[in-house]
C-alpha atoms as a PDB file:
ATOM      1  CA  MET A   1     -45.626  42.975 -62.934  1.00  0.00           C
ATOM      2  CA  ALA A   2     -48.388  44.724 -60.921  1.00  0.00           C
ATOM      3  CA  LYS A   3     -49.994  41.412 -59.889  1.00  0.00           C
ATOM      4  CA  GLY A   4     -50.528  42.513 -56.280  1.00  0.00           C
ATOM      5  CA  LEU A   5     -52.188  45.720 -57.463  1.00  0.00           C
ATOM      6  CA  TYR A   6     -54.370  43.736 -59.881  1.00  0.00           C
ATOM      7  CA  GLU A   7     -55.541  41.405 -57.118  1.00  0.00           C
ATOM      8  CA  ARG A   8     -56.210  44.257 -54.664  1.00  0.00           C
ATOM      9  CA  PHE A   9     -58.020  46.882 -56.788  1.00  0.00           C
ATOM     10  CA  GLU A  10     -61.024  46.330 -59.062  1.00  0.00           C
ATOM     11  CA  GLU A  11     -60.145  49.431 -61.084  1.00  0.00           C
ATOM     12  CA  VAL A  12     -56.750  47.937 -61.912  1.00  0.00           C
ATOM     13  CA  LYS A  13     -58.499  44.884 -63.354  1.00  0.00           C
ATOM     14  CA  GLU A  14     -60.590  47.236 -65.502  1.00  0.00           C
ATOM     15  CA  ILE A  15     -57.480  49.066 -66.735  1.00  0.00           C
ATOM     16  CA  TYR A  16     -55.815  45.812 -67.749  1.00  0.00           C
ATOM     17  CA  HIS A  17     -59.010  44.657 -69.475  1.00  0.00           C
ATOM     18  CA  THR A  18     -59.013  47.897 -71.487  1.00  0.00           C
ATOM     19  CA  ALA A  19     -55.337  47.394 -72.313  1.00  0.00           C
ATOM     20  CA  ASN A  20     -55.901  43.810 -73.489  1.00  0.00           C
ATOM     21  CA  GLU A  21     -58.627  44.967 -75.873  1.00  0.00           C
ATOM     22  CA  LEU A  22     -56.629  47.888 -77.240  1.00  0.00           C
ATOM     23  CA  LEU A  23     -53.428  45.874 -77.688  1.00  0.00           C
ATOM     24  CA  GLU A  24     -55.265  42.870 -79.167  1.00  0.00           C
ATOM     25  CA  PHE A  25     -53.277  40.424 -77.056  1.00  0.00           C
ATOM     26  CA  ASP A  26     -53.531  39.257 -73.443  1.00  0.00           C
ATOM     27  CA  LEU A  27     -51.102  41.586 -71.695  1.00  0.00           C
ATOM     28  CA  THR A  28     -52.422  40.512 -68.290  1.00  0.00           C
ATOM     29  CA  LYS A  29     -51.544  36.871 -68.863  1.00  0.00           C
ATOM     30  CA  ILE A  30     -48.057  37.645 -70.173  1.00  0.00           C
ATOM     31  CA  CYS A  31     -47.275  40.030 -67.273  1.00  0.00           C
ATOM     32  CA  PHE A  32     -48.436  37.637 -64.570  1.00  0.00           C
ATOM     33  CA  GLN A  33     -47.664  34.227 -66.091  1.00  0.00           C
ATOM     34  CA  GLY A  34     -45.061  34.786 -68.792  1.00  0.00           C
ATOM     35  CA  PRO A  35     -43.322  33.337 -70.608  1.00  0.00           C
ATOM     36  CA  LYS A  36     -40.484  35.765 -69.856  1.00  0.00           C
ATOM     37  CA  GLU A  37     -39.186  35.428 -73.422  1.00  0.00           C
ATOM     38  CA  GLU A  38     -42.412  36.955 -74.724  1.00  0.00           C
ATOM     39  CA  LEU A  39     -42.468  39.667 -72.059  1.00  0.00           C
ATOM     40  CA  ARG A  40     -38.949  40.699 -73.150  1.00  0.00           C
ATOM     41  CA  GLN A  41     -40.072  41.372 -76.725  1.00  0.00           C
ATOM     42  CA  THR A  42     -40.163  45.118 -77.331  1.00  0.00           C
ATOM     43  CA  ARG A  43     -43.739  45.024 -78.634  1.00  0.00           C
ATOM     44  CA  VAL A  44     -44.820  43.568 -75.247  1.00  0.00           C
ATOM     45  CA  THR A  45     -42.282  45.127 -72.869  1.00  0.00           C
ATOM     46  CA  GLN A  46     -43.163  48.728 -73.678  1.00  0.00           C
ATOM     47  CA  PRO A  47     -46.955  48.395 -73.178  1.00  0.00           C
ATOM     48  CA  ALA A  48     -46.366  46.321 -70.022  1.00  0.00           C
ATOM     49  CA  ILE A  49     -44.177  49.015 -68.463  1.00  0.00           C
ATOM     50  CA  PHE A  50     -46.522  51.820 -69.489  1.00  0.00           C
ATOM     51  CA  VAL A  51     -49.652  50.135 -68.099  1.00  0.00           C
ATOM     52  CA  HIS A  52     -47.890  49.356 -64.799  1.00  0.00           C
ATOM     53  CA  SER A  53     -46.798  52.999 -64.503  1.00  0.00           C
ATOM     54  CA  ALA A  54     -50.253  54.323 -65.448  1.00  0.00           C
ATOM     55  CA  VAL A  55     -51.967  52.098 -62.877  1.00  0.00           C
ATOM     56  CA  LEU A  56     -49.711  53.412 -60.113  1.00  0.00           C
ATOM     57  CA  THR A  57     -50.191  57.003 -61.269  1.00  0.00           C
ATOM     58  CA  LYS A  58     -53.972  56.632 -60.999  1.00  0.00           C
ATOM     59  CA  LEU A  59     -53.779  54.979 -57.577  1.00  0.00           C
ATOM     60  CA  LEU A  60     -51.414  57.637 -56.262  1.00  0.00           C
ATOM     61  CA  ARG A  61     -53.778  60.353 -57.441  1.00  0.00           C
ATOM     62  CA  LYS A  62     -56.588  58.724 -55.424  1.00  0.00           C
ATOM     63  CA  LYS A  63     -54.308  58.946 -52.371  1.00  0.00           C
ATOM     64  CA  GLY A  64     -53.799  62.653 -52.994  1.00  0.00           C
ATOM     65  CA  VAL A  65     -50.237  62.329 -54.321  1.00  0.00           C
ATOM     66  CA  GLU A  66     -49.914  64.764 -57.225  1.00  0.00           C
ATOM     67  CA  PRO A  67     -46.705  65.633 -59.093  1.00  0.00           C
ATOM     68  CA  SER A  68     -45.644  69.236 -59.618  1.00  0.00           C
ATOM     69  CA  MET A  69     -43.433  68.264 -62.570  1.00  0.00           C
ATOM     70  CA  THR A  70     -42.694  64.996 -64.382  1.00  0.00           C
ATOM     71  CA  ALA A  71     -40.123  63.291 -66.583  1.00  0.00           C
ATOM     72  CA  GLY A  72     -39.725  59.807 -68.005  1.00  0.00           C
ATOM     73  CA  HIS A  73     -36.745  57.900 -69.346  1.00  0.00           C
ATOM     74  CA  SER A  74     -37.284  56.904 -73.008  1.00  0.00           C
ATOM     75  CA  LEU A  75     -40.627  55.039 -73.008  1.00  0.00           C
ATOM     76  CA  GLY A  76     -41.264  56.636 -69.602  1.00  0.00           C
ATOM     77  CA  GLU A  77     -41.831  59.966 -71.314  1.00  0.00           C
ATOM     78  CA  TYR A  78     -45.270  58.654 -72.347  1.00  0.00           C
ATOM     79  CA  SER A  79     -46.043  57.838 -68.699  1.00  0.00           C
ATOM     80  CA  ALA A  80     -44.885  61.326 -67.731  1.00  0.00           C
ATOM     81  CA  LEU A  81     -47.186  62.897 -70.334  1.00  0.00           C
ATOM     82  CA  PHE A  82     -50.084  60.758 -69.102  1.00  0.00           C
ATOM     83  CA  ALA A  83     -49.403  61.891 -65.516  1.00  0.00           C
ATOM     84  CA  ALA A  84     -49.388  65.508 -66.712  1.00  0.00           C
ATOM     85  CA  GLY A  85     -52.747  65.159 -68.476  1.00  0.00           C
ATOM     86  CA  ALA A  86     -51.318  65.629 -71.972  1.00  0.00           C
ATOM     87  CA  LEU A  87     -52.462  62.144 -73.038  1.00  0.00           C
ATOM     88  CA  THR A  88     -55.416  59.995 -72.035  1.00  0.00           C
ATOM     89  CA  PHE A  89     -54.646  56.419 -70.999  1.00  0.00           C
ATOM     90  CA  GLU A  90     -56.114  55.022 -74.220  1.00  0.00           C
ATOM     91  CA  ASP A  91     -54.286  57.450 -76.507  1.00  0.00           C
ATOM     92  CA  ALA A  92     -50.989  57.020 -74.681  1.00  0.00           C
ATOM     93  CA  LEU A  93     -51.247  53.221 -74.875  1.00  0.00           C
ATOM     94  CA  SER A  94     -52.154  53.404 -78.567  1.00  0.00           C
ATOM     95  CA  LEU A  95     -48.998  55.425 -79.205  1.00  0.00           C
ATOM     96  CA  VAL A  96     -46.899  53.079 -77.064  1.00  0.00           C
ATOM     97  CA  LYS A  97     -48.250  50.087 -79.011  1.00  0.00           C
ATOM     98  CA  ILE A  98     -47.339  51.664 -82.351  1.00  0.00           C
ATOM     99  CA  ARG A  99     -43.946  52.843 -81.078  1.00  0.00           C
ATOM    100  CA  ALA A 100     -43.081  49.404 -79.740  1.00  0.00           C
ATOM    101  CA  GLU A 101     -44.088  47.616 -82.949  1.00  0.00           C
ATOM    102  CA  LEU A 102     -42.160  50.087 -85.106  1.00  0.00           C
ATOM    103  CA  MET A 103     -39.043  49.854 -82.945  1.00  0.00           C
ATOM    104  CA  GLN A 104     -39.135  46.068 -83.024  1.00  0.00           C
ATOM    105  CA  LYS A 105     -39.484  46.170 -86.825  1.00  0.00           C
ATOM    106  CA  ALA A 106     -36.646  48.705 -87.076  1.00  0.00           C
ATOM    107  CA  GLY A 107     -34.469  46.340 -85.064  1.00  0.00           C
ATOM    108  CA  ASP A 108     -35.288  43.522 -87.484  1.00  0.00           C
ATOM    109  CA  ILE A 109     -34.488  45.662 -90.535  1.00  0.00           C
ATOM    110  CA  LYS A 110     -31.268  47.131 -89.151  1.00  0.00           C
ATOM    111  CA  PRO A 111     -30.012  44.886 -86.347  1.00  0.00           C
ATOM    112  CA  GLY A 112     -28.048  46.595 -83.629  1.00  0.00           C
ATOM    113  CA  THR A 113     -27.223  46.478 -79.955  1.00  0.00           C
ATOM    114  CA  MET A 114     -26.428  48.608 -76.904  1.00  0.00           C
ATOM    115  CA  ALA A 115     -23.937  48.658 -74.042  1.00  0.00           C
ATOM    116  CA  ALA A 116     -23.538  50.403 -70.694  1.00  0.00           C
ATOM    117  CA  ILE A 117     -20.221  52.167 -70.084  1.00  0.00           C
ATOM    118  CA  ILE A 118     -19.484  52.768 -66.404  1.00  0.00           C
ATOM    119  CA  GLY A 119     -16.623  54.759 -64.951  1.00  0.00           C
ATOM    120  CA  LEU A 120     -15.792  57.061 -67.877  1.00  0.00           C
ATOM    121  CA  ASP A 121     -16.960  60.646 -68.048  1.00  0.00           C
ATOM    122  CA  VAL A 122     -19.300  61.725 -70.814  1.00  0.00           C
ATOM    123  CA  GLN A 123     -16.644  63.360 -72.988  1.00  0.00           C
ATOM    124  CA  ALA A 124     -14.456  60.250 -72.840  1.00  0.00           C
ATOM    125  CA  VAL A 125     -17.382  58.095 -74.003  1.00  0.00           C
ATOM    126  CA  GLN A 126     -18.126  60.556 -76.802  1.00  0.00           C
ATOM    127  CA  ASN A 127     -14.510  60.298 -77.911  1.00  0.00           C
ATOM    128  CA  VAL A 128     -14.669  56.490 -77.818  1.00  0.00           C
ATOM    129  CA  CYS A 129     -17.793  56.515 -79.997  1.00  0.00           C
ATOM    130  CA  ASP A 130     -16.146  58.874 -82.497  1.00  0.00           C
ATOM    131  CA  GLU A 131     -13.096  56.634 -82.755  1.00  0.00           C
ATOM    132  CA  ALA A 132     -15.109  53.405 -82.904  1.00  0.00           C
ATOM    133  CA  SER A 133     -17.398  54.680 -85.664  1.00  0.00           C
ATOM    134  CA  SER A 134     -14.927  53.363 -88.246  1.00  0.00           C
ATOM    135  CA  ALA A 135     -16.263  49.887 -87.335  1.00  0.00           C
ATOM    136  CA  GLY A 136     -19.936  50.881 -87.685  1.00  0.00           C
ATOM    137  CA  VAL A 137     -22.640  53.165 -86.337  1.00  0.00           C
ATOM    138  CA  VAL A 138     -22.247  53.943 -82.624  1.00  0.00           C
ATOM    139  CA  GLN A 139     -23.384  56.897 -80.526  1.00  0.00           C
ATOM    140  CA  VAL A 140     -24.425  57.800 -76.996  1.00  0.00           C
ATOM    141  CA  ALA A 141     -28.030  56.705 -76.411  1.00  0.00           C
ATOM    142  CA  ASN A 142     -28.566  57.577 -72.733  1.00  0.00           C
ATOM    143  CA  PHE A 143     -26.744  60.133 -70.604  1.00  0.00           C
ATOM    144  CA  ASN A 144     -27.816  58.327 -67.432  1.00  0.00           C
ATOM    145  CA  SER A 145     -25.428  59.852 -64.886  1.00  0.00           C
ATOM    146  CA  PRO A 146     -22.032  61.579 -64.893  1.00  0.00           C
ATOM    147  CA  ILE A 147     -20.312  58.171 -64.891  1.00  0.00           C
ATOM    148  CA  GLN A 148     -22.886  55.907 -66.555  1.00  0.00           C
ATOM    149  CA  VAL A 149     -23.535  56.261 -70.260  1.00  0.00           C
ATOM    150  CA  VAL A 150     -25.318  53.846 -72.603  1.00  0.00           C
ATOM    151  CA  ILE A 151     -24.167  53.573 -76.209  1.00  0.00           C
ATOM    152  CA  SER A 152     -26.127  52.251 -79.164  1.00  0.00           C
ATOM    153  CA  GLY A 153     -25.503  51.272 -82.770  1.00  0.00           C
ATOM    154  CA  SER A 154     -24.433  48.458 -85.071  1.00  0.00           C
ATOM    155  CA  VAL A 155     -22.994  45.305 -83.516  1.00  0.00           C
ATOM    156  CA  GLY A 156     -19.567  46.070 -84.991  1.00  0.00           C
ATOM    157  CA  GLY A 157     -19.560  49.673 -83.838  1.00  0.00           C
ATOM    158  CA  VAL A 158     -20.740  48.920 -80.293  1.00  0.00           C
ATOM    159  CA  ASN A 159     -18.332  45.991 -79.865  1.00  0.00           C
ATOM    160  CA  LYS A 160     -15.444  48.185 -80.991  1.00  0.00           C
ATOM    161  CA  ALA A 161     -16.512  50.904 -78.560  1.00  0.00           C
ATOM    162  CA  ILE A 162     -16.721  48.369 -75.701  1.00  0.00           C
ATOM    163  CA  GLU A 163     -13.150  47.271 -76.399  1.00  0.00           C
ATOM    164  CA  MET A 164     -11.905  50.858 -76.616  1.00  0.00           C
ATOM    165  CA  ALA A 165     -13.769  51.942 -73.476  1.00  0.00           C
ATOM    166  CA  LYS A 166     -12.041  49.223 -71.472  1.00  0.00           C
ATOM    167  CA  ASN A 167      -8.690  50.334 -72.877  1.00  0.00           C
ATOM    168  CA  HIS A 168      -9.493  53.917 -71.848  1.00  0.00           C
ATOM    169  CA  GLY A 169     -10.092  52.890 -68.229  1.00  0.00           C
ATOM    170  CA  ALA A 170     -13.825  52.177 -68.000  1.00  0.00           C
ATOM    171  CA  LYS A 171     -14.673  50.205 -64.850  1.00  0.00           C
ATOM    172  CA  LYS A 172     -17.246  48.224 -66.803  1.00  0.00           C
ATOM    173  CA  ALA A 173     -18.441  48.003 -70.405  1.00  0.00           C
ATOM    174  CA  ILE A 174     -21.480  45.736 -70.396  1.00  0.00           C
ATOM    175  CA  PRO A 175     -23.376  44.550 -73.494  1.00  0.00           C
ATOM    176  CA  LEU A 176     -27.145  44.876 -72.958  1.00  0.00           C
ATOM    177  CA  VAL A 177     -29.755  42.309 -73.951  1.00  0.00           C
ATOM    178  CA  VAL A 178     -31.911  44.373 -76.308  1.00  0.00           C
ATOM    179  CA  SER A 179     -33.749  43.810 -79.564  1.00  0.00           C
ATOM    180  CA  GLY A 180     -32.415  46.878 -81.338  1.00  0.00           C
ATOM    181  CA  ALA A 181     -30.157  49.913 -81.293  1.00  0.00           C
ATOM    182  CA  PHE A 182     -32.554  52.265 -79.541  1.00  0.00           C
ATOM    183  CA  HIS A 183     -31.947  56.035 -79.635  1.00  0.00           C
ATOM    184  CA  SER A 184     -29.626  55.712 -82.628  1.00  0.00           C
ATOM    185  CA  PRO A 185     -29.925  56.292 -86.393  1.00  0.00           C
ATOM    186  CA  LEU A 186     -30.751  52.589 -86.776  1.00  0.00           C
ATOM    187  CA  MET A 187     -34.258  53.430 -85.511  1.00  0.00           C
ATOM    188  CA  GLU A 188     -34.944  55.715 -88.491  1.00  0.00           C
ATOM    189  CA  TYR A 189     -37.470  53.254 -89.950  1.00  0.00           C
ATOM    190  CA  ALA A 190     -39.801  54.040 -87.045  1.00  0.00           C
ATOM    191  CA  LEU A 191     -39.803  57.826 -87.525  1.00  0.00           C
ATOM    192  CA  GLU A 192     -42.407  58.100 -90.301  1.00  0.00           C
ATOM    193  CA  GLY A 193     -44.891  55.721 -88.703  1.00  0.00           C
ATOM    194  CA  LEU A 194     -44.667  57.298 -85.266  1.00  0.00           C
ATOM    195  CA  GLY A 195     -44.906  60.773 -86.780  1.00  0.00           C
ATOM    196  CA  LYS A 196     -48.121  59.762 -88.568  1.00  0.00           C
ATOM    197  CA  ALA A 197     -49.576  58.278 -85.374  1.00  0.00           C
ATOM    198  CA  LEU A 198     -48.705  61.420 -83.406  1.00  0.00           C
ATOM    199  CA  SER A 199     -50.393  63.617 -86.019  1.00  0.00           C
ATOM    200  CA  GLU A 200     -53.635  61.662 -85.601  1.00  0.00           C
ATOM    201  CA  ILE A 201     -53.714  61.660 -81.779  1.00  0.00           C
ATOM    202  CA  LYS A 202     -55.148  64.487 -79.691  1.00  0.00           C
ATOM    203  CA  ILE A 203     -52.528  65.799 -77.300  1.00  0.00           C
ATOM    204  CA  ASN A 204     -53.562  68.307 -74.671  1.00  0.00           C
ATOM    205  CA  ALA A 205     -51.434  71.025 -73.157  1.00  0.00           C
ATOM    206  CA  ALA A 206     -49.673  69.483 -70.153  1.00  0.00           C
ATOM    207  CA  SER A 207     -50.997  70.731 -66.811  1.00  0.00           C
ATOM    208  CA  ILE A 208     -47.484  70.633 -65.293  1.00  0.00           C
ATOM    209  CA  PRO A 209     -43.999  70.813 -66.851  1.00  0.00           C
ATOM    210  CA  VAL A 210     -42.819  67.617 -68.565  1.00  0.00           C
ATOM    211  CA  TYR A 211     -39.052  67.564 -69.049  1.00  0.00           C
ATOM    212  CA  ALA A 212     -38.324  66.164 -72.505  1.00  0.00           C
ATOM    213  CA  ASN A 213     -35.753  63.482 -73.284  1.00  0.00           C
ATOM    214  CA  LEU A 214     -34.648  65.366 -76.380  1.00  0.00           C
ATOM    215  CA  ASP A 215     -33.345  68.572 -74.785  1.00  0.00           C
ATOM    216  CA  ALA A 216     -34.051  68.246 -71.016  1.00  0.00           C
ATOM    217  CA  GLN A 217     -36.313  71.309 -71.158  1.00  0.00           C
ATOM    218  CA  PRO A 218     -39.841  71.606 -69.708  1.00  0.00           C
ATOM    219  CA  THR A 219     -42.433  71.063 -72.411  1.00  0.00           C
ATOM    220  CA  SER A 220     -46.170  71.663 -72.331  1.00  0.00           C
ATOM    221  CA  THR A 221     -47.575  72.587 -75.782  1.00  0.00           C
ATOM    222  CA  PRO A 222     -49.069  69.839 -78.003  1.00  0.00           C
ATOM    223  CA  ASP A 223     -47.033  70.650 -81.126  1.00  0.00           C
ATOM    224  CA  GLU A 224     -43.777  70.695 -79.188  1.00  0.00           C
ATOM    225  CA  ILE A 225     -44.649  67.430 -77.440  1.00  0.00           C
ATOM    226  CA  LYS A 226     -45.323  65.701 -80.770  1.00  0.00           C
ATOM    227  CA  GLN A 227     -42.094  66.954 -82.330  1.00  0.00           C
ATOM    228  CA  LYS A 228     -39.988  65.889 -79.368  1.00  0.00           C
ATOM    229  CA  LEU A 229     -41.568  62.442 -79.058  1.00  0.00           C
ATOM    230  CA  ARG A 230     -40.795  61.735 -82.703  1.00  0.00           C
ATOM    231  CA  ALA A 231     -37.227  63.020 -82.517  1.00  0.00           C
ATOM    232  CA  GLN A 232     -36.645  61.033 -79.318  1.00  0.00           C
ATOM    233  CA  LEU A 233     -36.499  57.766 -81.310  1.00  0.00           C
ATOM    234  CA  THR A 234     -33.088  58.482 -82.819  1.00  0.00           C
ATOM    235  CA  SER A 235     -31.704  60.947 -80.259  1.00  0.00           C
ATOM    236  CA  PRO A 236     -29.948  60.463 -76.901  1.00  0.00           C
ATOM    237  CA  VAL A 237     -31.912  60.596 -73.647  1.00  0.00           C
ATOM    238  CA  GLN A 238     -30.589  63.589 -71.707  1.00  0.00           C
ATOM    239  CA  TRP A 239     -31.401  62.106 -68.300  1.00  0.00           C
ATOM    240  CA  THR A 240     -28.621  63.675 -66.241  1.00  0.00           C
ATOM    241  CA  GLU A 241     -29.510  67.150 -67.465  1.00  0.00           C
ATOM    242  CA  ILE A 242     -33.238  66.483 -66.955  1.00  0.00           C
ATOM    243  CA  ILE A 243     -32.689  65.688 -63.266  1.00  0.00           C
ATOM    244  CA  GLU A 244     -30.366  68.667 -62.815  1.00  0.00           C
ATOM    245  CA  ASN A 245     -32.922  71.003 -64.440  1.00  0.00           C
ATOM    246  CA  MET A 246     -35.782  69.662 -62.325  1.00  0.00           C
ATOM    247  CA  ILE A 247     -33.746  70.211 -59.151  1.00  0.00           C
ATOM    248  CA  GLU A 248     -32.823  73.717 -60.285  1.00  0.00           C
ATOM    249  CA  ASP A 249     -36.534  74.384 -60.849  1.00  0.00           C
ATOM    250  CA  GLY A 250     -37.414  73.335 -57.300  1.00  0.00           C
ATOM    251  CA  ALA A 251     -37.727  69.532 -57.158  1.00  0.00           C
ATOM    252  CA  THR A 252     -36.686  68.155 -53.765  1.00  0.00           C
ATOM    253  CA  GLN A 253     -38.456  64.763 -53.715  1.00  0.00           C
ATOM    254  CA  PHE A 254     -38.592  62.294 -56.606  1.00  0.00           C
ATOM    255  CA  HIS A 255     -40.994  59.351 -56.904  1.00  0.00           C
ATOM    256  CA  GLU A 256     -40.097  56.649 -59.426  1.00  0.00           C
ATOM    257  CA  ILE A 257     -43.370  55.170 -60.686  1.00  0.00           C
ATOM    258  CA  GLY A 258     -43.381  51.757 -62.352  1.00  0.00           C
ATOM    259  CA  PRO A 259     -41.400  48.520 -62.348  1.00  0.00           C
ATOM    260  CA  GLY A 260     -37.900  48.578 -60.883  1.00  0.00           C
ATOM    261  CA  SER A 261     -35.732  51.180 -59.196  1.00  0.00           C
ATOM    262  CA  VAL A 262     -33.157  52.021 -61.872  1.00  0.00           C
ATOM    263  CA  LEU A 263     -33.977  55.739 -61.946  1.00  0.00           C
ATOM    264  CA  THR A 264     -33.815  56.043 -58.164  1.00  0.00           C
ATOM    265  CA  GLY A 265     -30.310  54.576 -58.346  1.00  0.00           C
ATOM    266  CA  LEU A 266     -29.329  57.041 -61.065  1.00  0.00           C
ATOM    267  CA  LEU A 267     -30.699  59.919 -58.986  1.00  0.00           C
ATOM    268  CA  LYS A 268     -28.219  59.094 -56.222  1.00  0.00           C
ATOM    269  CA  ARG A 269     -25.362  59.264 -58.731  1.00  0.00           C
ATOM    270  CA  ILE A 270     -26.543  62.577 -60.170  1.00  0.00           C
ATOM    271  CA  ASN A 271     -27.345  64.394 -56.915  1.00  0.00           C
ATOM    272  CA  LYS A 272     -27.121  62.775 -53.476  1.00  0.00           C
ATOM    273  CA  ARG A 273     -28.783  65.740 -51.758  1.00  0.00           C
ATOM    274  CA  VAL A 274     -32.297  65.041 -53.051  1.00  0.00           C
ATOM    275  CA  ALA A 275     -34.532  62.194 -51.913  1.00  0.00           C
ATOM    276  CA  GLY A 276     -35.971  59.481 -54.121  1.00  0.00           C
ATOM    277  CA  LYS A 277     -38.584  56.782 -53.528  1.00  0.00           C
ATOM    278  CA  THR A 278     -39.528  53.832 -55.708  1.00  0.00           C
ATOM    279  CA  ILE A 279     -43.232  52.989 -56.001  1.00  0.00           C
ATOM    280  CA  ASP A 280     -43.601  49.745 -57.926  1.00  0.00           C
ATOM    281  CA  ASN A 281     -45.903  47.429 -55.983  1.00  0.00           C
ATOM    282  CA  LEU A 282     -48.746  47.264 -53.462  1.00  0.00           C
ATOM    283  CA  GLU A 283     -46.484  47.552 -50.402  1.00  0.00           C
ATOM    284  CA  SER A 284     -44.641  50.658 -51.617  1.00  0.00           C
ATOM    285  CA  LEU A 285     -47.946  52.237 -52.658  1.00  0.00           C
ATOM    286  CA  GLU A 286     -49.465  51.678 -49.218  1.00  0.00           C
ATOM    287  CA  ASN A 287     -46.370  53.068 -47.510  1.00  0.00           C
ATOM    288  CA  ILE A 288     -46.202  56.266 -49.560  1.00  0.00           C
ATOM    289  CA  ASN A 289     -47.902  58.502 -46.955  1.00  0.00           C
ATOM    290  CA  ARG A 290     -46.121  56.968 -43.984  1.00  0.00           C
ATOM    291  CA  GLY A 291     -43.020  58.409 -42.396  1.00  0.00           C
END
């Protein structure tokens, strides 16, 4: 993750050095050398993704690429707030560190899982979750696109929903390799700790609209940002509506900043008429102003 950027830019080395000190573990080593098993732990994965996204955001700004609005999927909301000037790098990473540790602990206390349901509309998945709840907690966690929804909850509840989704005609119902039931009531343990951390961090008014996971609405005031970040832990990510609202408010070009291209793929399923680019490495960064 971000190794090419690290080797090319001295300022990226400095950012990772700062991150290592703040996190109190060697994020650089884990990102570049592994082991993958450690990188996949929530307490490491979340800071790794955030730092990668923040590095690219800073480098893009130096190239004169500035967003007019931002949004981030789940953890990505912190990157979006950083890009909008609502959080400094250090404060955002401090929050991400606490969030990741709390979510990992919540997953240990109340084990759960998640699954992606593909090929059923949103209402059909909602109905499946309602019916499967007799076997345990299960709810929609991510409204990713009109035909891709992620569910989250107890192992029994999610497994029952997977079985029912297939019976209802889902093209795929895929269990996800996760360490907890994110964006479900099983994350309630993390609410108090994250709320306390948010109350102690200075959040600035965002300089551009940041579309919140909680309700898909543009958010800019510090109090509203804090409330929505806390509530996000146990609430579904309204990604489809976020993209639709951003397009309605004038977005015509989306840049996905950070590792992978999942959101660019979702964009095509939500609205094929708008363009999306993935910027996740040195090559894509250097090509951003070409063509």
